[in-house]
Amino acid sequence: MLLAAACSRSDDPSPQATETRVQANATVVRAVDGDTIVAQLDGVEEKVRLIGVNTPESVDPRRPVQCFGKIASHHTAELLPSGTPVRLVRDAEPRDRYGRLLAYVYRGRDGLFVNLELVTDGYAVAYPFPPNTAHRREFADAERSARTSASGLWASCPLPSKQ
């Protein structure tokens, strides 16, 4: 099965961003928006939804662009430019209702935990969606800190929606 080979669930679901290279199992093709990328996985392009975070909408045709949406999308593209090796780690569910692969994303060259970085820097809000909640506490703590320090969207927008 492609998913089992490409994304493995970590025995320790709480690895932190490190200054160490991680073994990549995919390559970024492009950022779709702040919380979704397209990645090449075993020769197949997959839409990947970052687990546990939500960024303001920037490409949903049913909704207007939300405050900080384009900025969050641009930031994700800066963190994960085309060609970036990444490690995709899954949680309890492999896919969402839209068929996107669900993953925690770690940048290959330095181990940066991209999902957490987006919340820490105020580009995303914590978005626990059971049963995929291995990092919910880290994300909630990072959001509290970003709110307190008025980082990113917390300085620029009305209270963001977690939808």
N, C-alpha and C. Protein backbone atom coordinates (compact mmCIF):
# COMPACT_ATOMS: atom_id res chain seq x y z
N MET A 1 0.85 -1.18 0.00
CA MET A 1 0.00 0.00 0.00
C MET A 1 0.89 1.23 0.00
N LEU A 2 0.64 2.17 -0.86
CA LEU A 2 1.45 3.38 -1.00
C LEU A 2 1.56 4.12 0.32
N LEU A 3 0.47 4.30 1.00
CA LEU A 3 0.48 5.10 2.21
C LEU A 3 1.35 4.48 3.29
N ALA A 4 1.24 3.20 3.48
CA ALA A 4 2.04 2.55 4.52
C ALA A 4 3.53 2.67 4.22
N ALA A 5 3.89 2.59 2.97
CA ALA A 5 5.30 2.68 2.62
C ALA A 5 5.80 4.11 2.69
N ALA A 6 4.95 5.06 2.39
CA ALA A 6 5.39 6.45 2.29
C ALA A 6 5.36 7.19 3.61
N CYS A 7 4.41 6.89 4.46
CA CYS A 7 4.25 7.62 5.72
C CYS A 7 4.14 6.62 6.84
N SER A 8 5.04 6.72 7.78
CA SER A 8 4.97 5.80 8.90
C SER A 8 4.62 6.56 10.15
N ARG A 9 3.87 5.92 11.01
CA ARG A 9 3.53 6.55 12.28
C ARG A 9 4.71 6.38 13.21
N SER A 10 5.13 7.46 13.79
CA SER A 10 6.27 7.43 14.69
C SER A 10 5.92 6.72 15.99
N ASP A 11 6.86 5.99 16.56
CA ASP A 11 6.64 5.39 17.87
C ASP A 11 6.50 6.48 18.91
N ASP A 12 7.21 7.57 18.75
CA ASP A 12 7.10 8.73 19.62
C ASP A 12 6.45 9.84 18.81
N PRO A 13 5.14 10.09 19.02
CA PRO A 13 4.45 11.06 18.17
C PRO A 13 4.75 12.51 18.49
N SER A 14 5.76 12.79 19.30
CA SER A 14 6.00 14.18 19.64
C SER A 14 7.43 14.65 19.34
N PRO A 15 8.00 14.30 18.17
CA PRO A 15 9.33 14.82 17.87
C PRO A 15 9.29 16.32 17.66
N GLN A 16 10.27 17.01 18.17
CA GLN A 16 10.36 18.46 18.04
C GLN A 16 11.24 18.83 16.86
N ALA A 17 11.09 20.06 16.42
CA ALA A 17 11.99 20.58 15.39
C ALA A 17 13.41 20.50 15.94
N THR A 18 14.31 20.07 15.13
CA THR A 18 15.69 19.94 15.58
C THR A 18 16.60 20.61 14.57
N GLU A 19 17.85 20.66 14.90
CA GLU A 19 18.84 21.19 13.98
C GLU A 19 19.46 20.03 13.20
N THR A 20 18.76 18.93 13.10
CA THR A 20 19.26 17.74 12.47
C THR A 20 18.47 17.40 11.23
N ARG A 21 19.16 16.96 10.22
CA ARG A 21 18.52 16.50 8.99
C ARG A 21 17.63 15.31 9.32
N VAL A 22 16.46 15.23 8.66
CA VAL A 22 15.59 14.07 8.83
C VAL A 22 15.53 13.31 7.52
N GLN A 23 15.26 12.03 7.62
CA GLN A 23 15.16 11.21 6.41
C GLN A 23 13.87 11.54 5.69
N ALA A 24 14.00 12.13 4.52
CA ALA A 24 12.83 12.54 3.73
C ALA A 24 12.20 11.33 3.06
N ASN A 25 10.87 11.38 2.92
CA ASN A 25 10.17 10.35 2.18
C ASN A 25 9.29 10.96 1.08
N ALA A 26 9.42 12.28 0.87
CA ALA A 26 8.64 12.97 -0.15
C ALA A 26 9.37 14.25 -0.55
N THR A 27 8.91 14.86 -1.64
CA THR A 27 9.47 16.13 -2.11
C THR A 27 8.33 17.09 -2.40
N VAL A 28 8.46 18.32 -1.94
CA VAL A 28 7.42 19.32 -2.16
C VAL A 28 7.36 19.68 -3.64
N VAL A 29 6.16 19.68 -4.18
CA VAL A 29 5.93 20.14 -5.55
C VAL A 29 5.56 21.62 -5.49
N ARG A 30 4.62 21.97 -4.59
CA ARG A 30 4.23 23.37 -4.42
C ARG A 30 3.35 23.50 -3.18
N ALA A 31 3.26 24.72 -2.67
CA ALA A 31 2.31 25.03 -1.62
C ALA A 31 0.99 25.40 -2.28
N VAL A 32 -0.10 24.86 -1.80
CA VAL A 32 -1.44 25.20 -2.31
C VAL A 32 -1.94 26.43 -1.58
N ASP A 33 -1.82 26.39 -0.26
CA ASP A 33 -2.18 27.52 0.60
C ASP A 33 -1.39 27.35 1.89
N GLY A 34 -1.81 27.99 2.96
CA GLY A 34 -1.02 27.95 4.18
C GLY A 34 -0.95 26.60 4.86
N ASP A 35 -1.98 25.76 4.70
CA ASP A 35 -1.99 24.49 5.40
C ASP A 35 -2.10 23.27 4.48
N THR A 36 -1.87 23.47 3.19
CA THR A 36 -1.93 22.36 2.23
C THR A 36 -0.79 22.50 1.22
N ILE A 37 -0.13 21.38 0.95
CA ILE A 37 0.93 21.35 -0.06
C ILE A 37 0.64 20.21 -1.03
N VAL A 38 1.33 20.22 -2.13
CA VAL A 38 1.37 19.06 -3.03
C VAL A 38 2.78 18.50 -2.90
N ALA A 39 2.85 17.19 -2.68
CA ALA A 39 4.16 16.53 -2.54
C ALA A 39 4.23 15.32 -3.46
N GLN A 40 5.43 15.05 -3.93
CA GLN A 40 5.68 13.86 -4.74
C GLN A 40 6.08 12.74 -3.79
N LEU A 41 5.34 11.65 -3.87
CA LEU A 41 5.51 10.52 -2.97
C LEU A 41 5.53 9.25 -3.81
N ASP A 42 6.65 8.60 -3.89
CA ASP A 42 6.78 7.39 -4.71
C ASP A 42 6.29 7.61 -6.14
N GLY A 43 6.64 8.75 -6.70
CA GLY A 43 6.30 9.04 -8.08
C GLY A 43 4.88 9.54 -8.30
N VAL A 44 4.13 9.71 -7.23
CA VAL A 44 2.74 10.17 -7.32
C VAL A 44 2.61 11.52 -6.62
N GLU A 45 1.93 12.47 -7.26
CA GLU A 45 1.65 13.75 -6.61
C GLU A 45 0.44 13.61 -5.70
N GLU A 46 0.61 14.00 -4.45
CA GLU A 46 -0.44 13.92 -3.43
C GLU A 46 -0.70 15.29 -2.84
N LYS A 47 -1.97 15.66 -2.66
CA LYS A 47 -2.29 16.83 -1.86
C LYS A 47 -2.14 16.41 -0.41
N VAL A 48 -1.41 17.21 0.36
CA VAL A 48 -1.12 16.89 1.75
C VAL A 48 -1.66 18.02 2.63
N ARG A 49 -2.57 17.68 3.54
CA ARG A 49 -3.12 18.64 4.50
C ARG A 49 -2.33 18.51 5.78
N LEU A 50 -1.76 19.63 6.25
CA LEU A 50 -0.98 19.62 7.48
C LEU A 50 -1.92 19.41 8.66
N ILE A 51 -1.64 18.39 9.46
CA ILE A 51 -2.49 18.03 10.58
C ILE A 51 -2.34 19.04 11.73
N GLY A 52 -3.46 19.33 12.38
CA GLY A 52 -3.45 20.07 13.64
C GLY A 52 -3.37 21.57 13.54
N VAL A 53 -3.34 22.10 12.32
CA VAL A 53 -3.25 23.54 12.15
C VAL A 53 -4.25 24.00 11.10
N ASN A 54 -4.62 25.27 11.18
CA ASN A 54 -5.51 25.85 10.18
C ASN A 54 -5.05 27.28 9.91
N THR A 55 -4.88 27.58 8.64
CA THR A 55 -4.51 28.94 8.25
C THR A 55 -5.72 29.62 7.63
N PRO A 56 -5.74 30.94 7.63
CA PRO A 56 -6.84 31.64 7.00
C PRO A 56 -6.95 31.25 5.52
N GLU A 57 -8.18 31.20 5.02
CA GLU A 57 -8.43 30.77 3.64
C GLU A 57 -7.85 31.76 2.64
N SER A 58 -7.28 31.19 1.57
CA SER A 58 -6.75 32.05 0.51
C SER A 58 -7.11 31.55 -0.88
N VAL A 59 -7.58 30.30 -1.00
CA VAL A 59 -7.89 29.76 -2.33
C VAL A 59 -9.25 29.07 -2.43
N ASP A 60 -10.01 29.02 -1.36
CA ASP A 60 -11.32 28.36 -1.39
C ASP A 60 -12.28 29.19 -2.24
N PRO A 61 -12.77 28.63 -3.36
CA PRO A 61 -13.64 29.40 -4.25
C PRO A 61 -15.00 29.75 -3.63
N ARG A 62 -15.35 29.08 -2.53
CA ARG A 62 -16.63 29.35 -1.87
C ARG A 62 -16.54 30.45 -0.83
N ARG A 63 -15.32 30.91 -0.53
CA ARG A 63 -15.12 31.90 0.53
C ARG A 63 -14.23 33.02 0.05
N PRO A 64 -14.43 34.20 0.62
CA PRO A 64 -13.49 35.29 0.28
C PRO A 64 -12.14 35.01 0.94
N VAL A 65 -11.11 35.62 0.40
CA VAL A 65 -9.78 35.51 1.01
C VAL A 65 -9.87 36.12 2.40
N GLN A 66 -9.42 35.39 3.41
CA GLN A 66 -9.49 35.85 4.79
C GLN A 66 -8.26 36.66 5.16
N CYS A 67 -8.41 37.45 6.21
CA CYS A 67 -7.31 38.23 6.73
C CYS A 67 -6.11 37.32 6.99
N PHE A 68 -4.97 37.67 6.45
CA PHE A 68 -3.69 36.97 6.61
C PHE A 68 -3.60 35.71 5.76
N GLY A 69 -4.63 35.41 4.96
CA GLY A 69 -4.63 34.19 4.15
C GLY A 69 -3.50 34.15 3.14
N LYS A 70 -3.34 35.21 2.37
CA LYS A 70 -2.27 35.24 1.35
C LYS A 70 -0.89 35.25 2.00
N ILE A 71 -0.77 35.94 3.13
CA ILE A 71 0.51 36.00 3.84
C ILE A 71 0.89 34.61 4.38
N ALA A 72 -0.09 33.91 4.96
CA ALA A 72 0.17 32.55 5.47
C ALA A 72 0.55 31.61 4.34
N SER A 73 -0.16 31.72 3.23
CA SER A 73 0.14 30.89 2.06
C SER A 73 1.56 31.15 1.55
N HIS A 74 1.92 32.41 1.47
CA HIS A 74 3.26 32.79 1.02
C HIS A 74 4.32 32.27 2.00
N HIS A 75 4.04 32.33 3.29
CA HIS A 75 5.01 31.86 4.29
C HIS A 75 5.24 30.35 4.16
N THR A 76 4.17 29.60 3.95
CA THR A 76 4.32 28.16 3.76
C THR A 76 5.17 27.88 2.52
N ALA A 77 4.93 28.64 1.46
CA ALA A 77 5.73 28.48 0.23
C ALA A 77 7.20 28.82 0.48
N GLU A 78 7.46 29.78 1.36
CA GLU A 78 8.85 30.12 1.70
C GLU A 78 9.50 29.01 2.53
N LEU A 79 8.75 28.43 3.47
CA LEU A 79 9.28 27.35 4.30
C LEU A 79 9.50 26.08 3.47
N LEU A 80 8.62 25.86 2.48
CA LEU A 80 8.65 24.63 1.70
C LEU A 80 8.62 24.93 0.21
N PRO A 81 9.69 25.51 -0.31
CA PRO A 81 9.71 25.78 -1.76
C PRO A 81 9.72 24.48 -2.56
N SER A 82 9.33 24.59 -3.81
CA SER A 82 9.35 23.45 -4.72
C SER A 82 10.71 22.77 -4.66
N GLY A 83 10.69 21.44 -4.58
CA GLY A 83 11.93 20.67 -4.54
C GLY A 83 12.44 20.36 -3.15
N THR A 84 11.80 20.90 -2.11
CA THR A 84 12.24 20.66 -0.74
C THR A 84 11.95 19.22 -0.31
N PRO A 85 12.96 18.49 0.13
CA PRO A 85 12.72 17.16 0.69
C PRO A 85 12.03 17.30 2.05
N VAL A 86 11.01 16.48 2.30
CA VAL A 86 10.28 16.51 3.56
C VAL A 86 10.03 15.09 4.06
N ARG A 87 9.81 15.00 5.34
CA ARG A 87 9.37 13.75 5.97
C ARG A 87 7.91 13.94 6.33
N LEU A 88 7.04 13.09 5.81
CA LEU A 88 5.63 13.11 6.14
C LEU A 88 5.36 12.03 7.17
N VAL A 89 4.76 12.41 8.29
CA VAL A 89 4.45 11.47 9.36
C VAL A 89 2.95 11.54 9.61
N ARG A 90 2.29 10.41 9.56
CA ARG A 90 0.85 10.40 9.73
C ARG A 90 0.46 10.23 11.19
N ASP A 91 -0.82 10.37 11.42
CA ASP A 91 -1.39 10.17 12.75
C ASP A 91 -2.41 9.03 12.61
N ALA A 92 -3.54 9.12 13.27
CA ALA A 92 -4.51 8.02 13.29
C ALA A 92 -5.19 7.78 11.94
N GLU A 93 -5.56 8.86 11.24
CA GLU A 93 -6.26 8.72 9.96
C GLU A 93 -5.32 9.09 8.81
N PRO A 94 -5.30 8.30 7.75
CA PRO A 94 -4.40 8.61 6.65
C PRO A 94 -4.89 9.73 5.74
N ARG A 95 -6.22 9.91 5.61
CA ARG A 95 -6.77 10.90 4.68
C ARG A 95 -7.97 11.60 5.28
N ASP A 96 -8.22 12.83 4.77
CA ASP A 96 -9.42 13.55 5.19
C ASP A 96 -10.57 13.25 4.24
N ARG A 97 -11.72 13.86 4.49
CA ARG A 97 -12.91 13.58 3.68
C ARG A 97 -12.76 14.05 2.23
N TYR A 98 -11.77 14.88 1.95
CA TYR A 98 -11.51 15.36 0.58
C TYR A 98 -10.47 14.51 -0.13
N GLY A 99 -9.98 13.47 0.52
CA GLY A 99 -8.99 12.59 -0.08
C GLY A 99 -7.56 13.05 0.08
N ARG A 100 -7.35 14.16 0.80
CA ARG A 100 -5.97 14.63 1.00
C ARG A 100 -5.26 13.77 2.03
N LEU A 101 -3.99 13.53 1.80
CA LEU A 101 -3.14 12.84 2.75
C LEU A 101 -2.98 13.75 3.96
N LEU A 102 -3.12 13.21 5.16
CA LEU A 102 -2.95 13.98 6.39
C LEU A 102 -1.57 13.69 6.96
N ALA A 103 -0.81 14.76 7.29
CA ALA A 103 0.55 14.51 7.76
C ALA A 103 1.10 15.65 8.61
N TYR A 104 2.02 15.26 9.48
CA TYR A 104 2.90 16.21 10.13
C TYR A 104 4.07 16.32 9.18
N VAL A 105 4.52 17.53 8.89
CA VAL A 105 5.55 17.73 7.87
C VAL A 105 6.83 18.25 8.51
N TYR A 106 7.92 17.53 8.26
CA TYR A 106 9.24 17.90 8.76
C TYR A 106 10.14 18.18 7.56
N ARG A 107 10.77 19.34 7.57
CA ARG A 107 11.67 19.70 6.47
C ARG A 107 12.93 18.86 6.57
N GLY A 108 13.33 18.29 5.44
CA GLY A 108 14.45 17.36 5.42
C GLY A 108 15.78 17.92 5.85
N ARG A 109 16.11 19.13 5.42
CA ARG A 109 17.48 19.64 5.64
C ARG A 109 17.78 19.96 7.09
N ASP A 110 16.74 20.30 7.89
CA ASP A 110 17.01 20.71 9.27
C ASP A 110 16.02 20.15 10.28
N GLY A 111 15.05 19.35 9.84
CA GLY A 111 14.10 18.75 10.76
C GLY A 111 13.02 19.70 11.25
N LEU A 112 12.91 20.89 10.66
CA LEU A 112 11.91 21.85 11.10
C LEU A 112 10.52 21.22 11.05
N PHE A 113 9.79 21.27 12.16
CA PHE A 113 8.42 20.77 12.25
C PHE A 113 7.53 21.89 11.73
N VAL A 114 7.18 21.83 10.47
CA VAL A 114 6.51 22.92 9.77
C VAL A 114 5.15 23.24 10.39
N ASN A 115 4.36 22.22 10.73
CA ASN A 115 3.04 22.46 11.33
C ASN A 115 3.19 23.35 12.57
N LEU A 116 4.10 22.97 13.45
CA LEU A 116 4.31 23.72 14.69
C LEU A 116 4.86 25.11 14.41
N GLU A 117 5.76 25.23 13.48
CA GLU A 117 6.35 26.52 13.13
C GLU A 117 5.28 27.52 12.68
N LEU A 118 4.32 27.06 11.90
CA LEU A 118 3.25 27.94 11.43
C LEU A 118 2.43 28.51 12.59
N VAL A 119 2.15 27.69 13.59
CA VAL A 119 1.40 28.15 14.76
C VAL A 119 2.26 29.06 15.63
N THR A 120 3.50 28.65 15.87
CA THR A 120 4.43 29.41 16.72
C THR A 120 4.61 30.83 16.21
N ASP A 121 4.72 30.97 14.89
CA ASP A 121 4.96 32.29 14.30
C ASP A 121 3.69 33.07 13.98
N GLY A 122 2.53 32.52 14.32
CA GLY A 122 1.28 33.24 14.14
C GLY A 122 0.72 33.22 12.73
N TYR A 123 1.10 32.23 11.93
CA TYR A 123 0.55 32.10 10.58
C TYR A 123 -0.62 31.12 10.55
N ALA A 124 -0.81 30.37 11.64
CA ALA A 124 -1.88 29.38 11.72
C ALA A 124 -2.40 29.33 13.15
N VAL A 125 -3.60 28.80 13.30
CA VAL A 125 -4.16 28.53 14.62
C VAL A 125 -4.11 27.02 14.85
N ALA A 126 -4.07 26.65 16.12
CA ALA A 126 -4.13 25.22 16.46
C ALA A 126 -5.52 24.72 16.07
N TYR A 127 -5.57 23.55 15.47
CA TYR A 127 -6.83 23.01 14.98
C TYR A 127 -6.90 21.51 15.25
N PRO A 128 -7.17 21.14 16.51
CA PRO A 128 -7.25 19.71 16.82
C PRO A 128 -8.48 19.11 16.15
N PHE A 129 -8.27 18.02 15.44
CA PHE A 129 -9.35 17.36 14.73
C PHE A 129 -9.24 15.86 15.02
N PRO A 130 -9.93 15.39 16.08
CA PRO A 130 -9.82 13.99 16.46
C PRO A 130 -10.16 13.06 15.29
N PRO A 131 -9.47 11.95 15.19
CA PRO A 131 -8.54 11.39 16.17
C PRO A 131 -7.08 11.79 15.93
N ASN A 132 -6.82 12.73 15.05
CA ASN A 132 -5.44 13.11 14.71
C ASN A 132 -4.95 14.22 15.64
N THR A 133 -4.60 13.85 16.86
CA THR A 133 -4.30 14.87 17.87
C THR A 133 -2.99 14.63 18.62
N ALA A 134 -2.05 13.93 18.02
CA ALA A 134 -0.80 13.61 18.71
C ALA A 134 -0.06 14.85 19.21
N HIS A 135 -0.19 15.98 18.52
CA HIS A 135 0.55 17.19 18.90
C HIS A 135 -0.36 18.31 19.42
N ARG A 136 -1.56 17.99 19.83
CA ARG A 136 -2.54 19.03 20.21
C ARG A 136 -2.03 19.94 21.31
N ARG A 137 -1.35 19.41 22.30
CA ARG A 137 -0.86 20.24 23.40
C ARG A 137 0.22 21.21 22.93
N GLU A 138 1.14 20.71 22.12
CA GLU A 138 2.20 21.58 21.58
C GLU A 138 1.59 22.71 20.76
N PHE A 139 0.62 22.37 19.91
CA PHE A 139 -0.01 23.38 19.07
C PHE A 139 -0.78 24.39 19.91
N ALA A 140 -1.50 23.92 20.93
CA ALA A 140 -2.25 24.84 21.80
C ALA A 140 -1.31 25.77 22.55
N ASP A 141 -0.20 25.24 23.06
CA ASP A 141 0.79 26.07 23.76
C ASP A 141 1.39 27.11 22.81
N ALA A 142 1.71 26.68 21.60
CA ALA A 142 2.29 27.59 20.61
C ALA A 142 1.29 28.70 20.24
N GLU A 143 0.02 28.34 20.11
CA GLU A 143 -0.99 29.36 19.79
C GLU A 143 -1.13 30.37 20.93
N ARG A 144 -1.16 29.88 22.17
CA ARG A 144 -1.24 30.80 23.32
C ARG A 144 -0.09 31.78 23.32
N SER A 145 1.10 31.26 23.06
CA SER A 145 2.28 32.11 23.03
C SER A 145 2.21 33.14 21.90
N ALA A 146 1.77 32.70 20.71
CA ALA A 146 1.66 33.62 19.57
C ALA A 146 0.61 34.69 19.85
N ARG A 147 -0.49 34.31 20.46
CA ARG A 147 -1.55 35.29 20.81
C ARG A 147 -1.00 36.32 21.80
N THR A 148 -0.34 35.81 22.84
CA THR A 148 0.20 36.68 23.89
C THR A 148 1.20 37.68 23.34
N SER A 149 2.03 37.23 22.41
CA SER A 149 3.05 38.11 21.84
C SER A 149 2.56 38.86 20.59
N ALA A 150 1.28 38.67 20.26
CA ALA A 150 0.68 39.32 19.08
C ALA A 150 1.51 39.07 17.82
N SER A 151 1.86 37.80 17.62
CA SER A 151 2.63 37.41 16.44
C SER A 151 1.72 37.17 15.25
N GLY A 152 2.20 37.55 14.08
CA GLY A 152 1.50 37.23 12.84
C GLY A 152 0.07 37.70 12.79
N LEU A 153 -0.83 36.77 12.51
CA LEU A 153 -2.24 37.13 12.36
C LEU A 153 -2.84 37.70 13.63
N TRP A 154 -2.27 37.37 14.78
CA TRP A 154 -2.81 37.86 16.05
C TRP A 154 -2.64 39.37 16.18
N ALA A 155 -1.73 39.97 15.44
CA ALA A 155 -1.55 41.42 15.46
C ALA A 155 -2.34 42.10 14.36
N SER A 156 -2.73 41.34 13.34
CA SER A 156 -3.29 41.94 12.13
C SER A 156 -4.77 41.69 11.89
N CYS A 157 -5.34 40.70 12.52
CA CYS A 157 -6.70 40.28 12.16
C CYS A 157 -7.62 40.21 13.37
N PRO A 158 -8.93 40.27 13.10
CA PRO A 158 -9.88 39.97 14.15
C PRO A 158 -9.70 38.51 14.55
N LEU A 159 -10.27 38.11 15.65
CA LEU A 159 -10.16 36.74 16.12
C LEU A 159 -10.42 35.78 14.97
N PRO A 160 -9.42 34.93 14.62
CA PRO A 160 -9.60 34.02 13.48
C PRO A 160 -10.57 32.90 13.76
N SER A 161 -11.20 32.43 12.73
CA SER A 161 -12.10 31.29 12.81
C SER A 161 -11.26 30.03 12.73
N LYS A 162 -11.69 28.99 13.44
CA LYS A 162 -10.98 27.71 13.39
C LYS A 162 -11.66 26.74 12.43
N GLN A 163 -12.49 27.25 11.54
CA GLN A 163 -13.20 26.38 10.60
C GLN A 163 -12.36 26.04 9.41
